[in-house]
Amino acid sequence: MSRTPSRVRQDLLARIHNGNFDALLLDWDVADLNGIEVLKRVREHNRGLTILFCTARGEEAVKALCKGADAYLVKPVRRMELLECVQSVIRRTRRPQEPGGSSAVGSIRVDLDTRTIERNGKHIKLTIKDFDLAVFFWRNLGRLISRAQIHESVWNRGGCVTSRTVDTHVSRIRTKLGLIPSNGWRLAAVYRHGYCLERVDSSGEST
């Protein structure tokens, strides 16, 4: 008797949750399942598992990254390309953890141990990459950061994301964290250079 998609999904998620895997390779369609839905469910319970998404369309790749994938591959994929990408991403995601702790500026508090950000004491829900990007800006407050630096430090693979993907993530954290002059912040795009997060006073001048 064939299993329903919901049953297949439950079995798959149970195996991932209980097993010891190095990486998970997902496609947009996974044996009658939705790959994005599987990705979301896995990330709810396992934030450390390396996940690669295989797709044929750019919009699918962007959505996969936003939902927590570590990298994506564009189909058709050659065997050696797949192996090299998997090994590269596993090495990167298993790099030593950076020191934890928490810090605050104004109304925003970043906690590296719990990987959470609060604004005015309220928890802000962020994707994994949104959090990593926000922390990267936080650590480089007042500095001009190129897109290449963002690719390398946040996605760790320069050719893995497009500028549009970065712009989408930047726009989202600007909105969610309220990084606008009226709140004492400015997260600005600098033409042909990158981005800069800085503190500003009531007149909009840098502090």
Protein backbone atom coordinates (compact mmCIF):
# COMPACT_ATOMS: atom_id res chain seq x y z
CA MET A 1 0.00 0.00 0.00
CA SER A 2 1.44 3.38 -1.03
CA ARG A 3 2.01 6.03 1.57
CA THR A 4 0.37 9.44 1.37
CA PRO A 5 2.56 12.57 0.95
CA SER A 6 1.88 13.56 4.55
CA ARG A 7 3.03 10.14 5.77
CA VAL A 8 6.14 10.29 3.59
CA ARG A 9 6.90 13.76 4.96
CA GLN A 10 6.51 12.55 8.56
CA ASP A 11 8.81 9.57 7.96
CA LEU A 12 11.40 11.75 6.24
CA LEU A 13 11.41 14.37 9.00
CA ALA A 14 11.58 11.67 11.69
CA ARG A 15 14.63 10.09 10.02
CA ILE A 16 16.35 13.47 9.74
CA HIS A 17 15.54 14.35 13.33
CA ASN A 18 16.74 11.02 14.74
CA GLY A 19 19.62 10.35 12.37
CA ASN A 20 23.18 11.65 12.18
CA PHE A 21 23.59 13.20 8.73
CA ASP A 22 26.34 15.37 7.28
CA ALA A 23 24.08 17.19 4.82
CA LEU A 24 20.64 17.22 3.27
CA LEU A 25 20.16 17.75 -0.49
CA LEU A 26 16.65 18.89 -1.37
CA ASP A 27 14.86 19.41 -4.66
CA TRP A 28 11.83 21.62 -5.25
CA ASP A 29 9.73 18.45 -5.56
CA VAL A 30 10.62 15.64 -3.16
CA ALA A 31 8.69 12.44 -3.94
CA ASP A 32 5.29 14.16 -4.14
CA LEU A 33 6.32 16.61 -1.42
CA ASN A 34 7.13 20.30 -1.52
CA GLY A 35 10.87 20.79 -0.96
CA ILE A 36 10.41 24.25 0.54
CA GLU A 37 7.95 22.86 3.09
CA VAL A 38 10.42 20.12 4.04
CA LEU A 39 13.16 22.76 4.36
CA LYS A 40 11.02 24.88 6.68
CA ARG A 41 10.11 21.91 8.86
CA VAL A 42 13.72 20.71 9.13
CA ARG A 43 14.94 24.18 10.09
CA GLU A 44 12.34 24.38 12.86
CA HIS A 45 14.07 21.48 14.64
CA ASN A 46 17.60 21.42 13.27
CA ARG A 47 19.35 24.73 12.63
CA GLY A 48 22.80 23.16 12.33
CA LEU A 49 22.26 20.60 9.56
CA THR A 50 23.88 21.59 6.25
CA ILE A 51 21.13 21.95 3.62
CA LEU A 52 21.65 22.40 -0.11
CA PHE A 53 18.78 23.13 -2.46
CA CYS A 54 18.71 21.95 -6.06
CA THR A 55 16.58 24.06 -8.40
CA ALA A 56 16.14 25.09 -12.02
CA ARG A 57 14.83 28.61 -11.45
CA GLY A 58 16.33 31.68 -9.81
CA GLU A 59 13.20 32.62 -7.89
CA GLU A 60 13.15 29.16 -6.31
CA ALA A 61 16.80 29.57 -5.26
CA VAL A 62 16.09 32.93 -3.61
CA LYS A 63 13.13 31.48 -1.72
CA ALA A 64 15.21 28.50 -0.57
CA LEU A 65 17.96 30.77 0.80
CA CYS A 66 15.38 32.90 2.58
CA LYS A 67 13.89 29.79 4.22
CA GLY A 68 17.24 28.61 5.59
CA ALA A 69 19.14 26.72 2.88
CA ASP A 70 22.93 27.10 3.12
CA ALA A 71 23.52 27.04 -0.63
CA TYR A 72 21.86 26.13 -3.90
CA LEU A 73 22.78 24.35 -7.12
CA VAL A 74 21.25 25.12 -10.50
CA LYS A 75 20.08 22.11 -12.51
CA PRO A 76 21.36 20.28 -14.45
CA VAL A 77 24.09 19.50 -11.94
CA ARG A 78 27.26 17.61 -12.83
CA ARG A 79 28.39 14.91 -10.40
CA MET A 80 31.75 16.52 -9.58
CA GLU A 81 30.16 19.95 -9.19
CA LEU A 82 27.70 18.47 -6.70
CA LEU A 83 30.42 16.72 -4.68
CA GLU A 84 32.63 19.82 -4.58
CA CYS A 85 29.74 22.02 -3.51
CA VAL A 86 28.63 19.62 -0.77
CA GLN A 87 32.16 19.33 0.62
CA SER A 88 32.70 23.10 0.48
CA VAL A 89 29.46 23.94 2.27
CA ILE A 90 29.99 21.27 4.94
CA ARG A 91 33.47 22.65 5.68
CA ARG A 92 32.06 26.14 5.93
CA THR A 93 29.06 25.32 8.11
CA ARG A 94 31.29 23.30 10.48
CA ARG A 95 33.75 26.13 11.07
CA PRO A 96 34.44 26.87 14.77
CA GLN A 97 31.72 28.83 16.53
CA GLU A 98 32.42 32.48 17.23
CA PRO A 99 32.35 33.77 20.80
CA GLY A 100 28.87 34.29 22.17
CA GLY A 101 27.46 36.88 24.50
CA SER A 102 25.08 39.75 23.99
CA SER A 103 25.34 43.45 23.31
CA ALA A 104 22.97 46.35 22.88
CA VAL A 105 22.89 49.74 21.21
CA GLY A 106 19.86 51.89 21.75
CA SER A 107 16.68 49.84 21.53
CA ILE A 108 18.29 46.83 19.85
CA ARG A 109 19.88 43.89 21.69
CA VAL A 110 21.70 41.04 19.94
CA ASP A 111 22.24 37.74 21.76
CA LEU A 112 24.72 35.45 19.98
CA ASP A 113 24.21 32.54 22.37
CA THR A 114 20.47 32.24 21.66
CA ARG A 115 20.77 33.74 18.16
CA THR A 116 18.00 36.21 18.85
CA ILE A 117 17.51 39.93 18.39
CA GLU A 118 15.18 42.12 20.41
CA ARG A 119 13.92 45.60 19.64
CA ASN A 120 12.41 47.57 22.51
CA GLY A 121 12.36 44.33 24.49
CA LYS A 122 10.36 42.47 21.84
CA HIS A 123 11.74 39.41 20.07
CA ILE A 124 12.08 39.92 16.31
CA LYS A 125 11.51 36.82 14.19
CA LEU A 126 14.31 36.46 11.63
CA THR A 127 15.47 33.79 9.20
CA ILE A 128 18.92 32.29 9.75
CA LYS A 129 20.49 34.42 7.01
CA ASP A 130 18.68 37.56 8.17
CA PHE A 131 20.15 37.06 11.64
CA ASP A 132 23.65 36.42 10.27
CA LEU A 133 23.43 39.51 8.06
CA ALA A 134 22.16 41.70 10.92
CA VAL A 135 25.03 40.54 13.15
CA PHE A 136 27.53 41.23 10.38
CA PHE A 137 26.26 44.80 10.07
CA TRP A 138 26.23 45.11 13.85
CA ARG A 139 29.91 44.11 14.04
CA ASN A 140 30.79 46.58 11.30
CA LEU A 141 28.75 49.52 12.57
CA GLY A 142 29.73 52.72 10.76
CA ARG A 143 31.81 50.93 8.11
CA LEU A 144 31.13 50.71 4.39
CA ILE A 145 30.72 47.02 3.51
CA SER A 146 30.93 45.76 -0.05
CA ARG A 147 28.58 43.14 -1.46
CA ALA A 148 31.61 40.89 -1.95
CA GLN A 149 32.32 41.08 1.80
CA ILE A 150 28.70 40.26 2.56
CA HIS A 151 28.80 37.28 0.17
CA GLU A 152 31.98 35.96 1.77
CA SER A 153 31.10 36.57 5.41
CA VAL A 154 27.38 35.75 5.45
CA TRP A 155 26.94 33.28 2.60
CA ASN A 156 30.60 32.21 2.54
CA ARG A 157 30.55 31.47 -1.16
CA GLY A 158 30.88 34.47 -3.42
CA GLY A 159 29.13 32.97 -6.45
CA CYS A 160 26.29 31.40 -4.52
CA VAL A 161 23.94 34.38 -4.28
CA THR A 162 22.95 37.28 -6.46
CA SER A 163 23.05 40.96 -5.58
CA ARG A 164 19.27 40.92 -5.66
CA THR A 165 19.21 38.25 -2.97
CA VAL A 166 21.44 40.37 -0.74
CA ASP A 167 19.28 43.44 -1.41
CA THR A 168 16.17 41.46 -0.43
CA HIS A 169 17.70 40.37 2.89
CA VAL A 170 18.96 43.89 3.64
CA SER A 171 15.53 45.36 2.93
CA ARG A 172 13.91 42.80 5.21
CA ILE A 173 16.15 43.40 8.23
CA ARG A 174 15.84 47.18 7.70
CA THR A 175 12.06 46.81 7.99
CA LYS A 176 11.96 44.21 10.78
CA LEU A 177 14.54 45.95 12.98
CA GLY A 178 13.35 49.46 12.20
CA LEU A 179 16.74 50.62 10.94
CA ILE A 180 15.51 54.03 9.81
CA PRO A 181 16.51 57.61 10.80
CA SER A 182 13.39 58.21 12.89
CA ASN A 183 14.57 55.32 15.13
CA GLY A 184 18.17 56.57 15.24
CA TRP A 185 19.53 54.26 12.53
CA ARG A 186 20.38 54.38 8.86
CA LEU A 187 21.07 51.28 6.76
CA ALA A 188 21.94 52.80 3.41
CA ALA A 189 22.98 51.45 0.03
CA VAL A 190 26.06 53.15 -1.38
CA TYR A 191 26.00 53.06 -5.18
CA ARG A 192 28.53 50.59 -6.63
CA HIS A 193 30.08 49.99 -3.22
CA GLY A 194 27.71 48.22 -0.84
CA TYR A 195 25.96 49.09 2.41
CA CYS A 196 26.61 50.97 5.61
CA LEU A 197 24.78 50.76 8.93
CA GLU A 198 25.24 53.77 11.18
CA ARG A 199 23.72 55.58 14.12
CA VAL A 200 22.16 58.96 13.38
CA ASP A 201 20.83 61.82 15.51
CA SER A 202 17.41 63.44 15.31
CA SER A 203 18.54 65.58 12.35
CA GLY A 204 19.70 62.51 10.41
CA GLU A 205 23.41 63.23 10.89
CA SER A 206 25.82 60.41 11.71
CA THR A 207 26.85 60.11 15.35
